[in-house]
Amino acid sequence: MTPVPAALALVIAVFQAAGPSPMGEDLIGRRAAHGEADLIRRGFINVDGETAEAAVRTWWSRDEPAACLVVDTRDGRYAAVSAAPVQACIERRKEVGRHEGAPDVRTIRFAPGAASGRETGVLGPSDRARYRIAVRRGQTITIDLSCDAACGFELSAPDSSDVMHRGPAPAGGLRTVAPLTGPYALDVYRRDASGDAPMGFTLQIAVEP
């Protein structure tokens, strides 16, 4: 066997020890689904998304160590990954709240290997339960909602201007195809806020490839 030159062996050793870039530069060129899974494994969560020129831009935040990333996706692949000030992600999270005093937003994450999940909660007369879920363009979203009283949900696309559904769950649940890649907003609310009794709800959601 031909011996490896010492200088080359050192370069190889350093590269192997470094592993994947914790800030995501190594994800450029990868399919969006794989990139999103890797960012989640590295401790990032998707906090916002928007359409920017010919790309879908998503914002990713990590609490410890604090970091904020901006990812541009084109043609289903990560085209650019860049670091942003941590405050930028904090402001994005505030913007998602839509108004001061808005309830916390819960990110829906399925169990490893699963494509569906269930959320339960209780709402007061004027409460809303707010969720966000990352979906890729072309994936099918299925949502069903059952409540102790009259209730409904609102589903909005990542650009926040396209409300895909508002009202009670259709018979058999809502089934729709995602028009954009990014975080979708899903709010559960009471349709009759006149009563004082708490209202329990069960939300079933699935995202198919």
N, C-alpha and C. Protein backbone atom coordinates (compact mmCIF):
# COMPACT_ATOMS: atom_id res chain seq x y z
N MET A 1 0.85 -1.20 0.00
CA MET A 1 0.00 0.00 0.00
C MET A 1 0.88 1.24 0.00
N THR A 2 0.53 2.21 -0.88
CA THR A 2 1.32 3.43 -0.96
C THR A 2 1.04 4.30 0.25
N PRO A 3 2.07 4.73 0.98
CA PRO A 3 1.84 5.55 2.17
C PRO A 3 1.27 6.91 1.81
N VAL A 4 0.40 7.41 2.67
CA VAL A 4 -0.20 8.73 2.47
C VAL A 4 0.76 9.80 2.97
N PRO A 5 1.08 10.80 2.14
CA PRO A 5 1.97 11.87 2.61
C PRO A 5 1.47 12.49 3.90
N ALA A 6 2.41 12.85 4.76
CA ALA A 6 2.04 13.37 6.08
C ALA A 6 1.15 14.59 6.00
N ALA A 7 1.44 15.51 5.07
CA ALA A 7 0.64 16.74 4.96
C ALA A 7 -0.79 16.43 4.55
N LEU A 8 -0.96 15.49 3.58
CA LEU A 8 -2.29 15.12 3.14
C LEU A 8 -3.04 14.42 4.25
N ALA A 9 -2.35 13.55 4.99
CA ALA A 9 -2.99 12.84 6.10
C ALA A 9 -3.50 13.82 7.15
N LEU A 10 -2.75 14.92 7.38
CA LEU A 10 -3.18 15.91 8.36
C LEU A 10 -4.43 16.62 7.89
N VAL A 11 -4.49 16.98 6.58
CA VAL A 11 -5.67 17.64 6.03
C VAL A 11 -6.90 16.75 6.17
N ILE A 12 -6.74 15.44 5.83
CA ILE A 12 -7.85 14.50 5.94
C ILE A 12 -8.33 14.39 7.38
N ALA A 13 -7.38 14.32 8.31
CA ALA A 13 -7.75 14.17 9.72
C ALA A 13 -8.52 15.38 10.22
N VAL A 14 -8.07 16.58 9.82
CA VAL A 14 -8.76 17.80 10.25
C VAL A 14 -10.16 17.85 9.68
N PHE A 15 -10.30 17.46 8.39
CA PHE A 15 -11.62 17.47 7.74
C PHE A 15 -12.56 16.50 8.43
N GLN A 16 -12.09 15.30 8.73
CA GLN A 16 -12.94 14.30 9.38
C GLN A 16 -13.33 14.73 10.77
N ALA A 17 -12.41 15.38 11.48
CA ALA A 17 -12.72 15.80 12.85
C ALA A 17 -13.73 16.93 12.87
N ALA A 18 -13.67 17.77 11.82
CA ALA A 18 -14.56 18.93 11.81
C ALA A 18 -16.02 18.53 11.69
N GLY A 19 -16.33 17.49 10.88
CA GLY A 19 -17.71 17.06 10.71
C GLY A 19 -18.53 18.12 10.02
N PRO A 20 -19.86 18.01 10.07
CA PRO A 20 -20.72 18.98 9.40
C PRO A 20 -20.64 20.34 10.05
N SER A 21 -20.79 21.39 9.26
CA SER A 21 -20.77 22.74 9.79
C SER A 21 -21.99 22.97 10.66
N PRO A 22 -21.81 23.38 11.92
CA PRO A 22 -22.98 23.59 12.79
C PRO A 22 -23.87 24.73 12.31
N MET A 23 -23.32 25.61 11.45
CA MET A 23 -24.10 26.74 10.98
C MET A 23 -24.78 26.49 9.64
N GLY A 24 -24.57 25.32 9.05
CA GLY A 24 -25.37 24.93 7.91
C GLY A 24 -24.81 25.20 6.54
N GLU A 25 -23.60 25.77 6.43
CA GLU A 25 -23.06 26.05 5.10
C GLU A 25 -22.90 24.77 4.27
N ASP A 26 -22.69 23.65 4.95
CA ASP A 26 -22.50 22.38 4.25
C ASP A 26 -23.80 21.85 3.64
N LEU A 27 -24.92 22.50 3.95
CA LEU A 27 -26.21 22.03 3.44
C LEU A 27 -26.55 22.61 2.07
N ILE A 28 -25.77 23.57 1.60
CA ILE A 28 -26.04 24.19 0.30
C ILE A 28 -26.00 23.13 -0.80
N GLY A 29 -27.05 23.11 -1.61
CA GLY A 29 -27.15 22.14 -2.69
C GLY A 29 -27.96 20.91 -2.33
N ARG A 30 -28.25 20.72 -1.05
CA ARG A 30 -29.03 19.55 -0.64
C ARG A 30 -30.52 19.80 -0.83
N ARG A 31 -31.27 18.72 -0.94
CA ARG A 31 -32.72 18.84 -1.05
C ARG A 31 -33.27 19.46 0.24
N ALA A 32 -34.33 20.26 0.09
CA ALA A 32 -34.87 21.00 1.23
C ALA A 32 -35.27 20.07 2.38
N ALA A 33 -35.87 18.93 2.06
CA ALA A 33 -36.31 18.02 3.12
C ALA A 33 -35.13 17.53 3.95
N HIS A 34 -34.02 17.21 3.29
CA HIS A 34 -32.84 16.74 4.02
C HIS A 34 -32.20 17.87 4.81
N GLY A 35 -32.17 19.06 4.21
CA GLY A 35 -31.61 20.21 4.92
C GLY A 35 -32.39 20.55 6.16
N GLU A 36 -33.72 20.54 6.07
CA GLU A 36 -34.56 20.85 7.22
C GLU A 36 -34.33 19.84 8.34
N ALA A 37 -34.24 18.56 7.97
CA ALA A 37 -34.03 17.51 8.98
C ALA A 37 -32.68 17.71 9.67
N ASP A 38 -31.65 18.09 8.91
CA ASP A 38 -30.34 18.31 9.51
C ASP A 38 -30.33 19.52 10.44
N LEU A 39 -31.01 20.59 10.04
CA LEU A 39 -31.05 21.77 10.90
C LEU A 39 -31.76 21.45 12.21
N ILE A 40 -32.83 20.69 12.14
CA ILE A 40 -33.54 20.30 13.37
C ILE A 40 -32.64 19.46 14.26
N ARG A 41 -31.86 18.54 13.65
CA ARG A 41 -30.93 17.74 14.45
C ARG A 41 -29.87 18.61 15.13
N ARG A 42 -29.56 19.73 14.52
CA ARG A 42 -28.55 20.63 15.09
C ARG A 42 -29.15 21.63 16.08
N GLY A 43 -30.42 21.47 16.39
CA GLY A 43 -31.04 22.28 17.42
C GLY A 43 -31.78 23.50 16.93
N PHE A 44 -31.95 23.66 15.61
CA PHE A 44 -32.66 24.82 15.07
C PHE A 44 -34.16 24.52 14.94
N ILE A 45 -34.96 25.57 15.04
CA ILE A 45 -36.39 25.46 14.75
C ILE A 45 -36.75 26.54 13.73
N ASN A 46 -37.71 26.24 12.88
CA ASN A 46 -38.16 27.16 11.86
C ASN A 46 -39.11 28.18 12.49
N VAL A 47 -38.76 29.48 12.41
CA VAL A 47 -39.57 30.50 13.07
C VAL A 47 -40.35 31.38 12.10
N ASP A 48 -39.99 31.39 10.82
CA ASP A 48 -40.74 32.23 9.89
C ASP A 48 -40.34 31.86 8.46
N GLY A 49 -41.11 32.35 7.51
CA GLY A 49 -40.81 32.09 6.11
C GLY A 49 -41.49 33.10 5.22
N GLU A 50 -40.95 33.30 4.02
CA GLU A 50 -41.52 34.26 3.09
C GLU A 50 -41.04 33.92 1.68
N THR A 51 -41.74 34.44 0.71
CA THR A 51 -41.31 34.30 -0.67
C THR A 51 -40.44 35.50 -1.02
N ALA A 52 -39.21 35.25 -1.47
CA ALA A 52 -38.27 36.31 -1.80
C ALA A 52 -37.76 36.09 -3.22
N GLU A 53 -38.21 36.94 -4.14
CA GLU A 53 -37.84 36.82 -5.56
C GLU A 53 -38.19 35.41 -6.04
N ALA A 54 -37.20 34.67 -6.55
CA ALA A 54 -37.48 33.33 -7.09
C ALA A 54 -37.26 32.25 -6.05
N ALA A 55 -37.05 32.64 -4.80
CA ALA A 55 -36.74 31.67 -3.75
C ALA A 55 -37.76 31.73 -2.63
N VAL A 56 -37.81 30.67 -1.84
CA VAL A 56 -38.53 30.67 -0.58
C VAL A 56 -37.49 30.86 0.52
N ARG A 57 -37.67 31.90 1.32
CA ARG A 57 -36.71 32.22 2.38
C ARG A 57 -37.31 31.82 3.73
N THR A 58 -36.56 31.03 4.48
CA THR A 58 -37.00 30.61 5.81
C THR A 58 -35.97 31.04 6.84
N TRP A 59 -36.46 31.27 8.06
CA TRP A 59 -35.62 31.74 9.17
C TRP A 59 -35.58 30.65 10.23
N TRP A 60 -34.37 30.35 10.70
CA TRP A 60 -34.16 29.26 11.66
C TRP A 60 -33.43 29.78 12.89
N SER A 61 -33.96 29.44 14.05
CA SER A 61 -33.41 29.95 15.31
C SER A 61 -32.96 28.80 16.21
N ARG A 62 -31.87 29.05 16.93
CA ARG A 62 -31.39 28.09 17.93
C ARG A 62 -31.12 28.85 19.21
N ASP A 63 -31.59 28.29 20.33
CA ASP A 63 -31.45 28.97 21.62
C ASP A 63 -30.07 28.78 22.25
N GLU A 64 -29.48 27.58 22.12
CA GLU A 64 -28.24 27.30 22.83
C GLU A 64 -27.32 26.40 21.99
N PRO A 65 -26.15 26.92 21.57
CA PRO A 65 -25.75 28.32 21.62
C PRO A 65 -26.59 29.15 20.66
N ALA A 66 -26.86 30.38 21.04
CA ALA A 66 -27.78 31.23 20.27
C ALA A 66 -27.28 31.43 18.84
N ALA A 67 -28.18 31.26 17.89
CA ALA A 67 -27.83 31.43 16.48
C ALA A 67 -29.09 31.68 15.68
N CYS A 68 -28.94 32.34 14.54
CA CYS A 68 -30.05 32.62 13.63
C CYS A 68 -29.55 32.40 12.20
N LEU A 69 -30.27 31.63 11.42
CA LEU A 69 -29.90 31.35 10.04
C LEU A 69 -31.00 31.77 9.08
N VAL A 70 -30.60 32.21 7.90
CA VAL A 70 -31.53 32.51 6.81
C VAL A 70 -31.22 31.54 5.68
N VAL A 71 -32.25 30.81 5.24
CA VAL A 71 -32.07 29.80 4.19
C VAL A 71 -32.92 30.16 2.98
N ASP A 72 -32.29 30.20 1.81
CA ASP A 72 -33.00 30.41 0.55
C ASP A 72 -33.10 29.07 -0.18
N THR A 73 -34.32 28.69 -0.55
CA THR A 73 -34.55 27.43 -1.26
C THR A 73 -35.02 27.74 -2.68
N ARG A 74 -34.35 27.16 -3.65
CA ARG A 74 -34.74 27.31 -5.05
C ARG A 74 -34.81 25.93 -5.70
N ASP A 75 -35.89 25.69 -6.42
CA ASP A 75 -36.07 24.42 -7.13
C ASP A 75 -35.91 23.22 -6.20
N GLY A 76 -36.40 23.38 -4.95
CA GLY A 76 -36.41 22.27 -4.02
C GLY A 76 -35.09 21.99 -3.33
N ARG A 77 -34.07 22.86 -3.53
CA ARG A 77 -32.76 22.64 -2.91
C ARG A 77 -32.30 23.91 -2.19
N TYR A 78 -31.46 23.72 -1.18
CA TYR A 78 -30.90 24.85 -0.46
C TYR A 78 -29.91 25.57 -1.37
N ALA A 79 -30.22 26.81 -1.71
CA ALA A 79 -29.35 27.59 -2.59
C ALA A 79 -28.40 28.48 -1.80
N ALA A 80 -28.80 28.90 -0.61
CA ALA A 80 -27.95 29.75 0.22
C ALA A 80 -28.31 29.57 1.68
N VAL A 81 -27.29 29.54 2.52
CA VAL A 81 -27.48 29.47 3.97
C VAL A 81 -26.55 30.51 4.59
N SER A 82 -27.10 31.48 5.30
CA SER A 82 -26.26 32.54 5.86
C SER A 82 -26.67 32.83 7.29
N ALA A 83 -25.69 33.25 8.08
CA ALA A 83 -25.94 33.61 9.47
C ALA A 83 -26.54 35.01 9.53
N ALA A 84 -27.45 35.22 10.45
CA ALA A 84 -28.07 36.52 10.68
C ALA A 84 -27.94 36.86 12.16
N PRO A 85 -28.06 38.12 12.53
CA PRO A 85 -28.03 38.47 13.96
C PRO A 85 -29.13 37.73 14.72
N VAL A 86 -28.81 37.28 15.91
CA VAL A 86 -29.79 36.56 16.73
C VAL A 86 -31.05 37.39 16.92
N GLN A 87 -30.89 38.71 17.03
CA GLN A 87 -32.04 39.58 17.24
C GLN A 87 -33.01 39.51 16.06
N ALA A 88 -32.48 39.21 14.86
CA ALA A 88 -33.35 39.12 13.69
C ALA A 88 -34.37 38.00 13.86
N CYS A 89 -33.93 36.85 14.38
CA CYS A 89 -34.86 35.75 14.62
C CYS A 89 -35.82 36.08 15.75
N ILE A 90 -35.32 36.80 16.76
CA ILE A 90 -36.20 37.19 17.86
C ILE A 90 -37.32 38.09 17.33
N GLU A 91 -36.98 39.03 16.46
CA GLU A 91 -37.99 39.91 15.89
C GLU A 91 -38.96 39.14 15.01
N ARG A 92 -38.45 38.15 14.29
CA ARG A 92 -39.34 37.33 13.46
C ARG A 92 -40.35 36.59 14.33
N ARG A 93 -39.89 36.09 15.46
CA ARG A 93 -40.81 35.39 16.37
C ARG A 93 -41.89 36.35 16.88
N LYS A 94 -41.48 37.58 17.18
CA LYS A 94 -42.46 38.57 17.65
C LYS A 94 -43.47 38.87 16.55
N GLU A 95 -42.98 38.98 15.32
CA GLU A 95 -43.86 39.30 14.20
C GLU A 95 -44.91 38.23 13.99
N VAL A 96 -44.51 36.98 14.24
CA VAL A 96 -45.45 35.88 14.10
C VAL A 96 -46.62 36.04 15.05
N GLY A 97 -46.35 36.68 16.23
CA GLY A 97 -47.40 36.90 17.21
C GLY A 97 -48.54 37.76 16.69
N ARG A 98 -48.26 38.59 15.64
CA ARG A 98 -49.27 39.42 14.97
C ARG A 98 -49.76 40.59 15.81
N HIS A 99 -49.85 40.45 17.10
CA HIS A 99 -50.27 41.58 17.92
C HIS A 99 -49.78 41.35 19.34
N GLU A 100 -49.62 42.43 20.06
CA GLU A 100 -49.11 42.35 21.43
C GLU A 100 -50.05 41.53 22.30
N GLY A 101 -49.47 40.67 23.11
CA GLY A 101 -50.26 39.83 23.99
C GLY A 101 -50.77 38.57 23.34
N ALA A 102 -50.32 38.27 22.10
CA ALA A 102 -50.78 37.05 21.43
C ALA A 102 -50.28 35.83 22.18
N PRO A 103 -51.02 34.73 22.14
CA PRO A 103 -50.60 33.52 22.83
C PRO A 103 -49.33 32.96 22.20
N ASP A 104 -48.62 32.13 22.97
CA ASP A 104 -47.41 31.50 22.47
C ASP A 104 -47.74 30.62 21.27
N VAL A 105 -46.77 30.53 20.37
CA VAL A 105 -46.92 29.69 19.18
C VAL A 105 -46.18 28.38 19.43
N ARG A 106 -46.87 27.29 19.23
CA ARG A 106 -46.29 25.96 19.45
C ARG A 106 -45.92 25.36 18.10
N THR A 107 -44.68 24.91 17.98
CA THR A 107 -44.23 24.26 16.75
C THR A 107 -44.60 22.78 16.80
N ILE A 108 -45.32 22.32 15.78
CA ILE A 108 -45.72 20.91 15.72
C ILE A 108 -44.58 20.10 15.12
N ARG A 109 -44.15 19.09 15.84
CA ARG A 109 -43.11 18.18 15.35
C ARG A 109 -43.62 16.76 15.52
N PHE A 110 -43.53 15.97 14.48
CA PHE A 110 -43.96 14.59 14.55
C PHE A 110 -42.85 13.73 15.17
N ALA A 111 -43.26 12.60 15.72
CA ALA A 111 -42.29 11.64 16.25
C ALA A 111 -41.41 11.13 15.11
N PRO A 112 -40.17 10.72 15.40
CA PRO A 112 -39.28 10.21 14.35
C PRO A 112 -39.94 9.10 13.53
N GLY A 113 -39.92 9.25 12.22
CA GLY A 113 -40.51 8.25 11.34
C GLY A 113 -42.00 8.40 11.12
N ALA A 114 -42.64 9.34 11.84
CA ALA A 114 -44.09 9.52 11.71
C ALA A 114 -44.40 10.69 10.79
N ALA A 115 -45.58 10.66 10.18
CA ALA A 115 -46.02 11.74 9.30
C ALA A 115 -47.32 12.36 9.81
N SER A 116 -47.69 12.06 11.05
CA SER A 116 -48.92 12.61 11.61
C SER A 116 -48.78 12.73 13.12
N GLY A 117 -49.67 13.51 13.71
CA GLY A 117 -49.63 13.68 15.15
C GLY A 117 -50.94 14.26 15.66
N ARG A 118 -51.03 14.40 16.98
CA ARG A 118 -52.24 14.90 17.61
C ARG A 118 -51.87 15.94 18.66
N GLU A 119 -52.64 17.01 18.70
CA GLU A 119 -52.48 18.05 19.71
C GLU A 119 -53.80 18.22 20.43
N THR A 120 -53.74 18.41 21.74
CA THR A 120 -54.95 18.65 22.53
C THR A 120 -54.76 19.92 23.35
N GLY A 121 -55.87 20.55 23.72
CA GLY A 121 -55.78 21.75 24.52
C GLY A 121 -57.13 22.18 25.04
N VAL A 122 -57.13 23.27 25.78
CA VAL A 122 -58.34 23.84 26.36
C VAL A 122 -58.34 25.34 26.09
N LEU A 123 -59.46 25.87 25.62
CA LEU A 123 -59.58 27.29 25.31
C LEU A 123 -60.61 27.96 26.20
N GLY A 124 -60.29 29.17 26.67
CA GLY A 124 -61.26 30.01 27.35
C GLY A 124 -62.10 30.76 26.33
N PRO A 125 -62.98 31.66 26.77
CA PRO A 125 -63.92 32.34 25.87
C PRO A 125 -63.24 33.07 24.70
N SER A 126 -62.12 33.74 24.95
CA SER A 126 -61.48 34.54 23.89
C SER A 126 -60.11 34.00 23.51
N ASP A 127 -59.82 32.78 23.88
CA ASP A 127 -58.49 32.22 23.62
C ASP A 127 -58.35 31.70 22.21
N ARG A 128 -57.09 31.59 21.79
CA ARG A 128 -56.71 30.90 20.55
C ARG A 128 -55.52 30.01 20.87
N ALA A 129 -55.50 28.84 20.27
CA ALA A 129 -54.32 27.98 20.33
C ALA A 129 -53.60 28.14 19.00
N ARG A 130 -52.34 28.52 19.05
CA ARG A 130 -51.60 28.86 17.84
C ARG A 130 -50.47 27.86 17.61
N TYR A 131 -50.43 27.35 16.40
CA TYR A 131 -49.42 26.35 16.02
C TYR A 131 -48.73 26.77 14.73
N ARG A 132 -47.55 26.23 14.55
CA ARG A 132 -46.85 26.38 13.28
C ARG A 132 -46.27 25.03 12.91
N ILE A 133 -46.27 24.74 11.61
CA ILE A 133 -45.72 23.48 11.13
C ILE A 133 -45.01 23.72 9.80
N ALA A 134 -43.81 23.17 9.67
CA ALA A 134 -43.03 23.33 8.45
C ALA A 134 -43.51 22.33 7.40
N VAL A 135 -43.83 22.83 6.22
CA VAL A 135 -44.34 21.99 5.14
C VAL A 135 -43.64 22.40 3.84
N ARG A 136 -43.36 21.43 2.99
CA ARG A 136 -42.75 21.72 1.69
C ARG A 136 -43.83 21.85 0.62
N ARG A 137 -43.56 22.66 -0.36
CA ARG A 137 -44.48 22.83 -1.48
C ARG A 137 -44.78 21.48 -2.13
N GLY A 138 -46.06 21.22 -2.38
CA GLY A 138 -46.48 19.98 -3.01
C GLY A 138 -46.87 18.89 -2.03
N GLN A 139 -46.54 19.06 -0.74
CA GLN A 139 -46.97 18.06 0.24
C GLN A 139 -48.46 18.25 0.55
N THR A 140 -49.11 17.15 0.92
CA THR A 140 -50.54 17.19 1.25
C THR A 140 -50.71 17.33 2.76
N ILE A 141 -51.48 18.34 3.16
CA ILE A 141 -51.77 18.59 4.57
C ILE A 141 -53.19 18.12 4.85
N THR A 142 -53.36 17.30 5.89
CA THR A 142 -54.68 16.86 6.31
C THR A 142 -54.90 17.30 7.76
N ILE A 143 -56.01 17.99 8.02
CA ILE A 143 -56.30 18.52 9.35
C ILE A 143 -57.73 18.17 9.73
N ASP A 144 -57.90 17.66 10.93
CA ASP A 144 -59.23 17.42 11.47
C ASP A 144 -59.28 17.97 12.89
N LEU A 145 -60.43 18.47 13.29
CA LEU A 145 -60.58 19.13 14.58
C LEU A 145 -61.89 18.72 15.21
N SER A 146 -61.83 18.29 16.46
CA SER A 146 -63.04 18.01 17.23
C SER A 146 -62.97 18.79 18.53
N CYS A 147 -64.15 19.29 18.99
CA CYS A 147 -64.19 20.18 20.15
C CYS A 147 -65.40 19.86 21.02
N ASP A 148 -65.34 20.34 22.26
CA ASP A 148 -66.47 20.19 23.17
C ASP A 148 -67.60 21.16 22.83
N ALA A 149 -67.28 22.22 22.08
CA ALA A 149 -68.28 23.22 21.69
C ALA A 149 -67.96 23.67 20.27
N ALA A 150 -68.72 24.67 19.78
CA ALA A 150 -68.49 25.14 18.41
C ALA A 150 -67.09 25.73 18.29
N CYS A 151 -66.33 25.25 17.32
CA CYS A 151 -64.95 25.69 17.16
C CYS A 151 -64.59 25.70 15.68
N GLY A 152 -63.44 26.25 15.39
CA GLY A 152 -62.95 26.26 14.02
C GLY A 152 -61.44 26.42 14.02
N PHE A 153 -60.87 26.41 12.82
CA PHE A 153 -59.43 26.65 12.72
C PHE A 153 -59.15 27.47 11.48
N GLU A 154 -58.01 28.14 11.52
CA GLU A 154 -57.55 28.96 10.41
C GLU A 154 -56.17 28.46 9.99
N LEU A 155 -56.01 28.17 8.71
CA LEU A 155 -54.74 27.71 8.17
C LEU A 155 -54.24 28.76 7.18
N SER A 156 -53.01 29.25 7.39
CA SER A 156 -52.44 30.28 6.52
C SER A 156 -51.11 29.82 5.95
N ALA A 157 -50.87 30.19 4.70
CA ALA A 157 -49.61 29.88 4.03
C ALA A 157 -48.48 30.71 4.62
N PRO A 158 -47.22 30.37 4.32
CA PRO A 158 -46.08 31.06 4.93
C PRO A 158 -46.03 32.56 4.71
N ASP A 159 -46.58 33.07 3.61
CA ASP A 159 -46.52 34.52 3.38
C ASP A 159 -47.57 35.27 4.18
N SER A 160 -48.42 34.55 4.93
CA SER A 160 -49.44 35.10 5.83
C SER A 160 -50.57 35.84 5.11
N SER A 161 -50.48 36.00 3.80
CA SER A 161 -51.54 36.71 3.09
C SER A 161 -52.58 35.76 2.51
N ASP A 162 -52.25 34.49 2.42
CA ASP A 162 -53.15 33.51 1.82
C ASP A 162 -53.75 32.63 2.91
N VAL A 163 -54.99 32.94 3.30
CA VAL A 163 -55.70 32.10 4.27
C VAL A 163 -56.32 30.94 3.51
N MET A 164 -55.84 29.74 3.76
CA MET A 164 -56.26 28.56 3.00
C MET A 164 -57.57 27.98 3.53
N HIS A 165 -57.85 28.22 4.81
CA HIS A 165 -59.11 27.74 5.39
C HIS A 165 -59.40 28.55 6.63
N ARG A 166 -60.68 28.89 6.81
CA ARG A 166 -61.15 29.53 8.04
C ARG A 166 -62.56 29.05 8.30
N GLY A 167 -62.76 28.41 9.46
CA GLY A 167 -64.08 27.91 9.80
C GLY A 167 -64.00 26.53 10.42
N PRO A 168 -65.15 25.88 10.60
CA PRO A 168 -65.14 24.53 11.19
C PRO A 168 -64.46 23.53 10.27
N ALA A 169 -64.05 22.41 10.82
CA ALA A 169 -63.43 21.37 10.01
C ALA A 169 -64.47 20.74 9.09
N PRO A 170 -64.17 20.58 7.81
CA PRO A 170 -65.10 19.91 6.90
C PRO A 170 -65.31 18.46 7.34
N ALA A 171 -66.41 17.86 6.91
CA ALA A 171 -66.65 16.44 7.21
C ALA A 171 -65.50 15.61 6.65
N GLY A 172 -64.92 14.81 7.52
CA GLY A 172 -63.78 14.00 7.10
C GLY A 172 -62.46 14.73 7.17
N GLY A 173 -62.47 16.03 7.57
CA GLY A 173 -61.25 16.79 7.71
C GLY A 173 -60.89 17.57 6.45
N LEU A 174 -60.01 18.53 6.62
CA LEU A 174 -59.50 19.33 5.49
C LEU A 174 -58.30 18.62 4.88
N ARG A 175 -58.29 18.55 3.56
CA ARG A 175 -57.17 17.96 2.83
C ARG A 175 -56.78 18.94 1.73
N THR A 176 -55.53 19.44 1.78
CA THR A 176 -55.10 20.45 0.82
C THR A 176 -53.63 20.28 0.51
N VAL A 177 -53.21 20.81 -0.63
CA VAL A 177 -51.81 20.71 -1.07
C VAL A 177 -51.10 22.03 -0.77
N ALA A 178 -49.93 21.96 -0.18
CA ALA A 178 -49.18 23.16 0.18
C ALA A 178 -48.66 23.88 -1.06
N PRO A 179 -48.99 25.18 -1.20
CA PRO A 179 -48.52 25.92 -2.38
C PRO A 179 -47.10 26.44 -2.24
N LEU A 180 -46.58 26.52 -1.01
CA LEU A 180 -45.27 27.09 -0.76
C LEU A 180 -44.52 26.24 0.26
N THR A 181 -43.20 26.39 0.29
CA THR A 181 -42.38 25.78 1.33
C THR A 181 -42.18 26.79 2.46
N GLY A 182 -42.35 26.34 3.69
CA GLY A 182 -42.15 27.22 4.82
C GLY A 182 -43.06 26.86 5.98
N PRO A 183 -43.09 27.71 7.01
CA PRO A 183 -43.90 27.44 8.19
C PRO A 183 -45.35 27.90 7.98
N TYR A 184 -46.29 27.00 8.12
CA TYR A 184 -47.72 27.32 8.00
C TYR A 184 -48.28 27.62 9.39
N ALA A 185 -49.13 28.65 9.46
CA ALA A 185 -49.77 29.03 10.72
C ALA A 185 -51.12 28.33 10.82
N LEU A 186 -51.37 27.74 11.99
CA LEU A 186 -52.61 27.02 12.24
C LEU A 186 -53.17 27.47 13.59
N ASP A 187 -54.30 28.14 13.55
CA ASP A 187 -54.94 28.65 14.77
C ASP A 187 -56.24 27.90 15.03
N VAL A 188 -56.44 27.50 16.28
CA VAL A 188 -57.71 26.90 16.72
C VAL A 188 -58.43 27.93 17.58
N TYR A 189 -59.73 28.14 17.33
CA TYR A 189 -60.45 29.17 18.05
C TYR A 189 -61.89 28.72 18.33
N ARG A 190 -62.53 29.41 19.28
CA ARG A 190 -63.94 29.16 19.58
C ARG A 190 -64.80 29.97 18.64
N ARG A 191 -65.82 29.36 18.11
CA ARG A 191 -66.75 30.06 17.22
C ARG A 191 -67.85 30.76 18.03
N ASP A 192 -68.05 30.32 19.25
CA ASP A 192 -69.03 30.95 20.13
C ASP A 192 -68.32 31.29 21.43
N ALA A 193 -67.95 32.56 21.59
CA ALA A 193 -67.18 32.98 22.77
C ALA A 193 -68.07 33.48 23.89
N SER A 194 -69.38 33.25 23.80
CA SER A 194 -70.30 33.80 24.80
C SER A 194 -70.29 33.00 26.10
N GLY A 195 -69.93 31.72 26.02
CA GLY A 195 -69.93 30.90 27.23
C GLY A 195 -68.64 31.06 28.02
N ASP A 196 -68.73 30.84 29.33
CA ASP A 196 -67.55 30.96 30.19
C ASP A 196 -66.84 29.63 30.41
N ALA A 197 -67.50 28.53 30.11
CA ALA A 197 -66.91 27.22 30.39
C ALA A 197 -65.73 26.96 29.45
N PRO A 198 -64.64 26.37 29.93
CA PRO A 198 -63.52 26.02 29.07
C PRO A 198 -63.94 25.04 27.99
N MET A 199 -63.32 25.12 26.85
CA MET A 199 -63.63 24.22 25.73
C MET A 199 -62.41 23.37 25.40
N GLY A 200 -62.55 22.07 25.47
CA GLY A 200 -61.46 21.18 25.09
C GLY A 200 -61.48 20.89 23.60
N PHE A 201 -60.32 20.65 23.03
CA PHE A 201 -60.25 20.33 21.60
C PHE A 201 -59.16 19.30 21.34
N THR A 202 -59.35 18.59 20.23
CA THR A 202 -58.35 17.62 19.74
C THR A 202 -58.08 17.92 18.28
N LEU A 203 -56.82 18.13 17.95
CA LEU A 203 -56.41 18.48 16.60
C LEU A 203 -55.58 17.35 16.03
N GLN A 204 -56.01 16.82 14.90
CA GLN A 204 -55.28 15.77 14.20
C GLN A 204 -54.69 16.37 12.94
N ILE A 205 -53.38 16.17 12.73
CA ILE A 205 -52.74 16.74 11.55
C ILE A 205 -51.75 15.75 10.96
N ALA A 206 -51.73 15.69 9.64
CA ALA A 206 -50.81 14.80 8.93
C ALA A 206 -50.23 15.56 7.74
N VAL A 207 -48.99 15.26 7.41
CA VAL A 207 -48.33 15.84 6.25
C VAL A 207 -47.74 14.68 5.44
N GLU A 208 -48.28 14.50 4.24
CA GLU A 208 -47.85 13.39 3.40
C GLU A 208 -46.80 13.87 2.41
N PRO A 209 -45.85 13.00 2.04
CA PRO A 209 -44.80 13.37 1.09
C PRO A 209 -45.38 13.80 -0.26
